[in-house]
Amino acid sequence: MMIASLFLLLQTAVTAPPTLIVRTTGAPTTIAVVSKGGGAAVAADKLVKALGGTIRGAQNGHYVLSIGGSNLDFTDGSPFARSDSAVIPICRAPVVAGGILYLPFQVVSEIIPRL
């Protein structure tokens, strides 16, 4: 009985989808990490909301994320981000699916912390 319970616990842990937990001054926000564009990605709208920022869509697939006084410009299908006059290479291009911009996880782990 104990072995069966342990197996069930391990199976549940292995099949649980990965998540990102954003902790700010408010309550923690959990964001799903999904597979988009060939790797791990997060929905930009949920990310900026959790960080107290904004996102706006510009023309021709451009999106501007404003977080903590900094702006990041992304273009659907381009593996680069722009912050002020700096161009930042990213591992994969952001992807728009169902009207939602998905950013490679690298943006969360490396680019936003630098800002």
Foldseek 3Di string as FASTA:
>chain_A
DVVVVVVVVVVCVVPDFDWDWQDDPDDIDIWTFDDDQHATWTFPQSVLVRQVWDWDADPQQWIWIAHPNWIWIAGAFDQWIDTPHDIHGHPGHWHADPNTTIDHCCCVVPVVVVD
